[in-house]
Amino acid sequence: MKPKYRRTRSLTRYCAEVHQDDGQDPRYFFRKEHQPTKAGRKARQLCAQVADTLRLLFSGETSDEILQSLEVLDVSPAPSAAQLLVTVVPAAGAPALDEMQVRATLARAGGWLRSEVATAITRKRAPRLAFRFIPAAPEKEVQP
């Protein structure tokens, strides 16, 4: 049985120095690595549908005061449309929110939010939702 690799001794006949890429098939060596492309049209469409659904849920379909004081800033695929990253911020005019309390509330309501999103979209599987909370920046005082 022939060995599948080339011996270093036989490679030295063809070159002065043996490098890491010597003796490899160029079809495999120069092949581009699979890199995920930007989100396609369908993924962007799904993100828009999820954002609209979550905006409706946060605006008044929930009885939780913390969820009512949140606003959806952005929904993006992370890393694919199977999981979506939902960025939320405090709504305009909402009282100051504790970041840990908001994260706990979103974690507790995550299953309910996912099921509501699943009923609003038409897909075989509902995407997982990961939440990112960006607290409001402190307002600068205006000096006269």
N, C-alpha and C. Protein backbone atom coordinates (compact mmCIF):
# COMPACT_ATOMS: atom_id res chain seq x y z
N MET A 1 0.85 -1.17 0.00
CA MET A 1 0.00 0.00 0.00
C MET A 1 0.89 1.24 0.00
N LYS A 2 0.58 2.22 -0.86
CA LYS A 2 1.36 3.44 -0.97
C LYS A 2 0.97 4.42 0.13
N PRO A 3 1.93 5.12 0.68
CA PRO A 3 1.56 6.16 1.67
C PRO A 3 0.89 7.33 0.95
N LYS A 4 -0.03 7.97 1.61
CA LYS A 4 -0.78 9.07 1.01
C LYS A 4 -0.04 10.40 1.11
N TYR A 5 1.00 10.44 1.85
CA TYR A 5 1.75 11.67 2.00
C TYR A 5 3.11 11.52 1.30
N ARG A 6 3.65 12.63 0.93
CA ARG A 6 4.96 12.61 0.28
C ARG A 6 6.05 12.77 1.33
N ARG A 7 7.07 12.09 1.11
CA ARG A 7 8.18 12.17 2.06
C ARG A 7 9.00 13.44 1.80
N THR A 8 9.54 13.99 2.86
CA THR A 8 10.32 15.21 2.77
C THR A 8 11.55 15.01 1.90
N ARG A 9 12.12 13.82 1.95
CA ARG A 9 13.33 13.54 1.19
C ARG A 9 13.07 13.65 -0.32
N SER A 10 11.90 13.18 -0.76
CA SER A 10 11.61 13.25 -2.19
C SER A 10 11.28 14.67 -2.62
N LEU A 11 10.81 15.51 -1.71
CA LEU A 11 10.50 16.89 -2.04
C LEU A 11 11.75 17.73 -2.21
N THR A 12 12.82 17.36 -1.54
CA THR A 12 14.04 18.16 -1.64
C THR A 12 14.69 18.05 -3.01
N ARG A 13 14.30 17.07 -3.80
CA ARG A 13 14.83 16.97 -5.16
C ARG A 13 14.28 18.10 -6.04
N TYR A 14 13.09 18.63 -5.69
CA TYR A 14 12.43 19.61 -6.53
C TYR A 14 12.60 21.05 -6.04
N CYS A 15 13.06 21.23 -4.82
CA CYS A 15 13.20 22.58 -4.30
C CYS A 15 14.37 22.64 -3.32
N ALA A 16 14.83 23.84 -3.07
CA ALA A 16 15.96 24.01 -2.17
C ALA A 16 15.53 23.88 -0.71
N GLU A 17 14.33 24.44 -0.39
CA GLU A 17 13.81 24.38 0.97
C GLU A 17 12.39 23.84 0.94
N VAL A 18 12.05 23.06 1.93
CA VAL A 18 10.71 22.51 2.02
C VAL A 18 9.89 23.42 2.93
N HIS A 19 8.75 23.91 2.40
CA HIS A 19 7.86 24.77 3.16
C HIS A 19 6.60 24.00 3.55
N GLN A 20 5.79 24.66 4.33
CA GLN A 20 4.58 24.03 4.86
C GLN A 20 3.60 23.66 3.75
N ASP A 21 3.55 24.45 2.70
CA ASP A 21 2.57 24.20 1.65
C ASP A 21 3.09 23.29 0.53
N ASP A 22 4.33 22.85 0.62
CA ASP A 22 4.89 21.97 -0.41
C ASP A 22 4.24 20.60 -0.34
N GLY A 23 3.92 20.06 -1.53
CA GLY A 23 3.35 18.73 -1.60
C GLY A 23 1.86 18.68 -1.40
N GLN A 24 1.21 19.83 -1.26
CA GLN A 24 -0.24 19.83 -1.08
C GLN A 24 -0.93 20.06 -2.41
N ASP A 25 -2.12 19.54 -2.51
CA ASP A 25 -2.91 19.71 -3.72
C ASP A 25 -3.36 21.16 -3.82
N PRO A 26 -3.05 21.85 -4.93
CA PRO A 26 -3.41 23.27 -5.03
C PRO A 26 -4.92 23.50 -5.03
N ARG A 27 -5.70 22.49 -5.41
CA ARG A 27 -7.15 22.67 -5.37
C ARG A 27 -7.62 22.88 -3.93
N TYR A 28 -6.98 22.24 -2.99
CA TYR A 28 -7.36 22.38 -1.59
C TYR A 28 -6.61 23.52 -0.90
N PHE A 29 -5.37 23.73 -1.32
CA PHE A 29 -4.57 24.75 -0.66
C PHE A 29 -5.09 26.16 -0.95
N PHE A 30 -5.52 26.42 -2.17
CA PHE A 30 -5.96 27.75 -2.55
C PHE A 30 -7.46 27.93 -2.45
N ARG A 31 -8.15 26.96 -1.91
CA ARG A 31 -9.60 27.07 -1.75
C ARG A 31 -9.93 28.12 -0.71
N LYS A 32 -10.91 28.95 -1.02
CA LYS A 32 -11.33 29.99 -0.08
C LYS A 32 -12.12 29.35 1.05
N GLU A 33 -11.86 29.84 2.23
CA GLU A 33 -12.62 29.38 3.39
C GLU A 33 -14.04 29.90 3.28
N HIS A 34 -14.97 29.13 3.76
CA HIS A 34 -16.37 29.55 3.72
C HIS A 34 -16.58 30.65 4.74
N GLN A 35 -16.93 31.82 4.25
CA GLN A 35 -17.20 32.93 5.14
C GLN A 35 -18.64 33.34 4.96
N PRO A 36 -19.37 33.48 6.05
CA PRO A 36 -20.77 33.86 5.90
C PRO A 36 -20.89 35.24 5.27
N THR A 37 -21.81 35.32 4.34
CA THR A 37 -22.04 36.59 3.67
C THR A 37 -22.99 37.44 4.50
N LYS A 38 -23.21 38.63 4.03
CA LYS A 38 -24.17 39.49 4.72
C LYS A 38 -25.54 38.83 4.69
N ALA A 39 -26.37 39.25 5.59
CA ALA A 39 -27.70 38.69 5.68
C ALA A 39 -28.44 38.93 4.37
N GLY A 40 -29.08 37.90 3.88
CA GLY A 40 -29.81 38.00 2.63
C GLY A 40 -31.15 38.71 2.82
N ARG A 41 -31.85 38.80 1.72
CA ARG A 41 -33.13 39.52 1.72
C ARG A 41 -34.12 38.86 2.67
N LYS A 42 -34.17 37.55 2.67
CA LYS A 42 -35.13 36.85 3.53
C LYS A 42 -34.79 37.03 5.01
N ALA A 43 -33.52 37.04 5.35
CA ALA A 43 -33.12 37.25 6.74
C ALA A 43 -33.48 38.66 7.19
N ARG A 44 -33.25 39.64 6.31
CA ARG A 44 -33.62 41.02 6.66
C ARG A 44 -35.14 41.15 6.80
N GLN A 45 -35.88 40.46 5.94
CA GLN A 45 -37.34 40.49 6.02
C GLN A 45 -37.81 39.87 7.33
N LEU A 46 -37.20 38.76 7.73
CA LEU A 46 -37.55 38.13 9.00
C LEU A 46 -37.24 39.05 10.17
N CYS A 47 -36.10 39.72 10.13
CA CYS A 47 -35.73 40.64 11.21
C CYS A 47 -36.73 41.78 11.32
N ALA A 48 -37.20 42.29 10.19
CA ALA A 48 -38.19 43.36 10.21
C ALA A 48 -39.52 42.87 10.80
N GLN A 49 -39.92 41.66 10.46
CA GLN A 49 -41.17 41.11 11.02
C GLN A 49 -41.05 40.91 12.52
N VAL A 50 -39.92 40.40 12.97
CA VAL A 50 -39.72 40.18 14.40
C VAL A 50 -39.69 41.52 15.13
N ALA A 51 -39.02 42.52 14.55
CA ALA A 51 -38.97 43.83 15.19
C ALA A 51 -40.37 44.43 15.32
N ASP A 52 -41.19 44.33 14.27
CA ASP A 52 -42.56 44.85 14.34
C ASP A 52 -43.38 44.13 15.40
N THR A 53 -43.24 42.82 15.47
CA THR A 53 -43.98 42.04 16.47
C THR A 53 -43.57 42.42 17.88
N LEU A 54 -42.26 42.54 18.11
CA LEU A 54 -41.78 42.89 19.45
C LEU A 54 -42.18 44.31 19.83
N ARG A 55 -42.20 45.22 18.87
CA ARG A 55 -42.65 46.59 19.16
C ARG A 55 -44.11 46.59 19.61
N LEU A 56 -44.93 45.79 18.95
CA LEU A 56 -46.33 45.69 19.36
C LEU A 56 -46.46 45.08 20.76
N LEU A 57 -45.67 44.07 21.03
CA LEU A 57 -45.73 43.42 22.34
C LEU A 57 -45.27 44.36 23.45
N PHE A 58 -44.19 45.09 23.20
CA PHE A 58 -43.67 46.00 24.21
C PHE A 58 -44.55 47.23 24.39
N SER A 59 -45.31 47.59 23.35
CA SER A 59 -46.09 48.83 23.44
C SER A 59 -47.35 48.67 24.27
N GLY A 60 -47.84 47.47 24.49
CA GLY A 60 -49.03 47.41 25.31
C GLY A 60 -49.65 46.04 25.49
N GLU A 61 -49.15 45.02 24.83
CA GLU A 61 -49.75 43.70 24.98
C GLU A 61 -49.21 42.94 26.18
N THR A 62 -48.32 43.54 26.91
CA THR A 62 -47.78 42.91 28.11
C THR A 62 -48.20 43.72 29.34
N SER A 63 -48.32 43.04 30.46
CA SER A 63 -48.69 43.74 31.68
C SER A 63 -47.45 44.10 32.52
N ASP A 64 -46.28 43.65 32.08
CA ASP A 64 -45.05 43.94 32.81
C ASP A 64 -44.60 45.37 32.52
N GLU A 65 -44.42 46.16 33.57
CA GLU A 65 -44.06 47.57 33.40
C GLU A 65 -42.66 47.74 32.82
N ILE A 66 -41.76 46.83 33.14
CA ILE A 66 -40.41 46.94 32.62
C ILE A 66 -40.41 46.71 31.11
N LEU A 67 -41.15 45.69 30.65
CA LEU A 67 -41.22 45.44 29.22
C LEU A 67 -41.92 46.58 28.48
N GLN A 68 -42.89 47.20 29.13
CA GLN A 68 -43.59 48.31 28.50
C GLN A 68 -42.70 49.54 28.37
N SER A 69 -41.67 49.63 29.20
CA SER A 69 -40.79 50.79 29.14
C SER A 69 -39.58 50.56 28.24
N LEU A 70 -39.60 49.47 27.45
CA LEU A 70 -38.52 49.19 26.52
C LEU A 70 -38.95 49.47 25.09
N GLU A 71 -37.97 49.72 24.25
CA GLU A 71 -38.21 49.98 22.84
C GLU A 71 -37.20 49.18 22.02
N VAL A 72 -37.65 48.58 20.93
CA VAL A 72 -36.77 47.78 20.08
C VAL A 72 -35.98 48.73 19.19
N LEU A 73 -34.67 48.66 19.28
CA LEU A 73 -33.81 49.50 18.46
C LEU A 73 -33.44 48.80 17.16
N ASP A 74 -33.07 47.52 17.25
CA ASP A 74 -32.61 46.80 16.08
C ASP A 74 -32.77 45.30 16.29
N VAL A 75 -33.01 44.58 15.20
CA VAL A 75 -33.02 43.12 15.21
C VAL A 75 -32.11 42.69 14.07
N SER A 76 -31.12 41.84 14.38
CA SER A 76 -30.18 41.39 13.35
C SER A 76 -29.89 39.91 13.55
N PRO A 77 -29.55 39.21 12.44
CA PRO A 77 -29.19 37.79 12.57
C PRO A 77 -27.87 37.64 13.31
N ALA A 78 -27.82 36.67 14.21
CA ALA A 78 -26.60 36.46 14.97
C ALA A 78 -26.36 34.99 15.20
N PRO A 79 -25.59 34.30 14.51
CA PRO A 79 -24.88 34.58 13.27
C PRO A 79 -25.73 34.30 12.03
N SER A 80 -26.85 33.60 12.19
CA SER A 80 -27.73 33.35 11.05
C SER A 80 -29.15 33.66 11.48
N ALA A 81 -30.10 33.38 10.60
CA ALA A 81 -31.49 33.69 10.90
C ALA A 81 -32.09 32.71 11.91
N ALA A 82 -31.34 31.69 12.31
CA ALA A 82 -31.83 30.76 13.33
C ALA A 82 -31.80 31.40 14.71
N GLN A 83 -30.95 32.39 14.89
CA GLN A 83 -30.89 33.14 16.15
C GLN A 83 -30.81 34.61 15.82
N LEU A 84 -31.62 35.41 16.49
CA LEU A 84 -31.67 36.83 16.22
C LEU A 84 -31.24 37.61 17.45
N LEU A 85 -30.48 38.65 17.24
CA LEU A 85 -30.04 39.53 18.31
C LEU A 85 -30.96 40.75 18.33
N VAL A 86 -31.68 40.91 19.43
CA VAL A 86 -32.63 42.01 19.58
C VAL A 86 -32.00 43.04 20.51
N THR A 87 -31.80 44.25 19.99
CA THR A 87 -31.23 45.33 20.78
C THR A 87 -32.37 46.20 21.29
N VAL A 88 -32.45 46.34 22.60
CA VAL A 88 -33.52 47.14 23.20
C VAL A 88 -32.91 48.29 24.00
N VAL A 89 -33.64 49.38 24.05
CA VAL A 89 -33.24 50.58 24.79
C VAL A 89 -34.45 51.06 25.60
N PRO A 90 -34.22 51.86 26.61
CA PRO A 90 -35.37 52.44 27.32
C PRO A 90 -36.17 53.34 26.39
N ALA A 91 -37.48 53.30 26.51
CA ALA A 91 -38.34 54.15 25.69
C ALA A 91 -38.17 55.60 26.10
N ALA A 92 -38.51 56.49 25.18
CA ALA A 92 -38.41 57.92 25.47
C ALA A 92 -39.38 58.27 26.59
N GLY A 93 -38.90 58.98 27.59
CA GLY A 93 -39.73 59.38 28.72
C GLY A 93 -39.91 58.30 29.77
N ALA A 94 -39.27 57.16 29.61
CA ALA A 94 -39.38 56.09 30.60
C ALA A 94 -38.46 56.39 31.78
N PRO A 95 -38.84 55.94 32.97
CA PRO A 95 -37.97 56.16 34.13
C PRO A 95 -36.68 55.35 33.97
N ALA A 96 -35.69 55.70 34.75
CA ALA A 96 -34.41 55.00 34.70
C ALA A 96 -34.61 53.53 35.06
N LEU A 97 -33.97 52.65 34.29
CA LEU A 97 -34.11 51.21 34.49
C LEU A 97 -32.80 50.62 34.96
N ASP A 98 -32.91 49.65 35.86
CA ASP A 98 -31.74 48.91 36.33
C ASP A 98 -31.41 47.84 35.30
N GLU A 99 -30.16 47.81 34.87
CA GLU A 99 -29.76 46.90 33.80
C GLU A 99 -29.95 45.43 34.19
N MET A 100 -29.60 45.07 35.40
CA MET A 100 -29.75 43.68 35.84
C MET A 100 -31.22 43.27 35.90
N GLN A 101 -32.07 44.19 36.32
CA GLN A 101 -33.50 43.90 36.40
C GLN A 101 -34.09 43.73 35.00
N VAL A 102 -33.65 44.55 34.06
CA VAL A 102 -34.14 44.43 32.69
C VAL A 102 -33.70 43.11 32.08
N ARG A 103 -32.44 42.73 32.30
CA ARG A 103 -31.93 41.45 31.76
C ARG A 103 -32.70 40.27 32.35
N ALA A 104 -32.99 40.32 33.65
CA ALA A 104 -33.74 39.24 34.29
C ALA A 104 -35.17 39.17 33.74
N THR A 105 -35.79 40.31 33.52
CA THR A 105 -37.15 40.34 32.99
C THR A 105 -37.18 39.80 31.56
N LEU A 106 -36.20 40.18 30.74
CA LEU A 106 -36.14 39.68 29.37
C LEU A 106 -35.87 38.18 29.34
N ALA A 107 -35.04 37.69 30.24
CA ALA A 107 -34.77 36.25 30.31
C ALA A 107 -36.02 35.50 30.73
N ARG A 108 -36.76 36.06 31.68
CA ARG A 108 -37.98 35.41 32.16
C ARG A 108 -39.07 35.41 31.07
N ALA A 109 -39.17 36.49 30.31
CA ALA A 109 -40.21 36.60 29.29
C ALA A 109 -39.75 36.08 27.93
N GLY A 110 -38.54 35.56 27.82
CA GLY A 110 -38.00 35.12 26.54
C GLY A 110 -38.82 34.05 25.85
N GLY A 111 -39.30 33.07 26.58
CA GLY A 111 -40.12 32.01 26.00
C GLY A 111 -41.44 32.53 25.46
N TRP A 112 -42.07 33.40 26.24
CA TRP A 112 -43.34 33.99 25.80
C TRP A 112 -43.14 34.85 24.56
N LEU A 113 -42.08 35.65 24.55
CA LEU A 113 -41.79 36.51 23.39
C LEU A 113 -41.51 35.67 22.15
N ARG A 114 -40.78 34.57 22.32
CA ARG A 114 -40.48 33.69 21.18
C ARG A 114 -41.75 33.05 20.65
N SER A 115 -42.63 32.63 21.52
CA SER A 115 -43.88 32.01 21.05
C SER A 115 -44.77 33.03 20.34
N GLU A 116 -44.78 34.26 20.80
CA GLU A 116 -45.55 35.31 20.13
C GLU A 116 -44.96 35.63 18.76
N VAL A 117 -43.64 35.63 18.68
CA VAL A 117 -42.98 35.85 17.39
C VAL A 117 -43.28 34.70 16.45
N ALA A 118 -43.31 33.47 16.98
CA ALA A 118 -43.58 32.30 16.15
C ALA A 118 -44.99 32.35 15.55
N THR A 119 -45.95 32.88 16.29
CA THR A 119 -47.31 32.98 15.74
C THR A 119 -47.42 34.09 14.71
N ALA A 120 -46.54 35.09 14.80
CA ALA A 120 -46.63 36.23 13.88
C ALA A 120 -45.92 35.97 12.56
N ILE A 121 -44.93 35.09 12.54
CA ILE A 121 -44.19 34.84 11.31
C ILE A 121 -44.57 33.46 10.76
N THR A 122 -44.23 33.25 9.50
CA THR A 122 -44.52 31.96 8.87
C THR A 122 -43.20 31.28 8.58
N ARG A 123 -42.78 30.44 9.51
CA ARG A 123 -41.56 29.67 9.35
C ARG A 123 -41.74 28.32 10.00
N LYS A 124 -40.93 27.37 9.58
CA LYS A 124 -41.01 26.04 10.16
C LYS A 124 -40.56 26.05 11.62
N ARG A 125 -39.48 26.77 11.88
CA ARG A 125 -38.95 26.88 13.25
C ARG A 125 -38.85 28.35 13.64
N ALA A 126 -39.22 28.61 14.86
CA ALA A 126 -39.12 29.99 15.36
C ALA A 126 -37.67 30.26 15.72
N PRO A 127 -37.16 31.43 15.39
CA PRO A 127 -35.76 31.74 15.73
C PRO A 127 -35.60 31.96 17.23
N ARG A 128 -34.42 31.63 17.73
CA ARG A 128 -34.10 31.95 19.12
C ARG A 128 -33.86 33.44 19.22
N LEU A 129 -34.20 34.01 20.35
CA LEU A 129 -34.03 35.44 20.55
C LEU A 129 -32.98 35.67 21.63
N ALA A 130 -31.99 36.46 21.29
CA ALA A 130 -30.98 36.89 22.26
C ALA A 130 -31.14 38.40 22.41
N PHE A 131 -31.17 38.87 23.64
CA PHE A 131 -31.44 40.28 23.90
C PHE A 131 -30.18 40.99 24.35
N ARG A 132 -30.04 42.23 23.87
CA ARG A 132 -28.96 43.10 24.31
C ARG A 132 -29.60 44.42 24.75
N PHE A 133 -29.35 44.80 25.99
CA PHE A 133 -29.92 46.03 26.54
C PHE A 133 -28.86 47.11 26.55
N ILE A 134 -29.19 48.24 25.96
CA ILE A 134 -28.29 49.39 25.97
C ILE A 134 -28.92 50.44 26.86
N PRO A 135 -28.35 50.70 28.03
CA PRO A 135 -28.93 51.70 28.92
C PRO A 135 -28.83 53.09 28.31
N ALA A 136 -29.74 53.94 28.74
CA ALA A 136 -29.75 55.32 28.22
C ALA A 136 -28.51 56.04 28.68
N ALA A 137 -27.95 56.84 27.79
CA ALA A 137 -26.79 57.64 28.13
C ALA A 137 -27.22 58.77 29.05
N PRO A 138 -26.43 59.10 30.04
CA PRO A 138 -26.81 60.21 30.93
C PRO A 138 -26.87 61.51 30.14
N GLU A 139 -27.90 62.27 30.39
CA GLU A 139 -28.08 63.52 29.67
C GLU A 139 -27.12 64.57 30.21
N LYS A 140 -26.59 65.35 29.29
CA LYS A 140 -25.65 66.39 29.68
C LYS A 140 -26.43 67.62 30.10
N GLU A 141 -25.94 68.24 31.16
CA GLU A 141 -26.59 69.45 31.62
C GLU A 141 -26.15 70.62 30.73
N VAL A 142 -27.10 71.43 30.39
CA VAL A 142 -26.81 72.58 29.53
C VAL A 142 -26.42 73.75 30.42
N GLN A 143 -25.24 74.29 30.18
CA GLN A 143 -24.75 75.43 30.96
C GLN A 143 -25.12 76.71 30.23
N PRO A 144 -25.75 77.66 30.91
CA PRO A 144 -26.10 78.93 30.25
C PRO A 144 -24.91 79.81 30.00
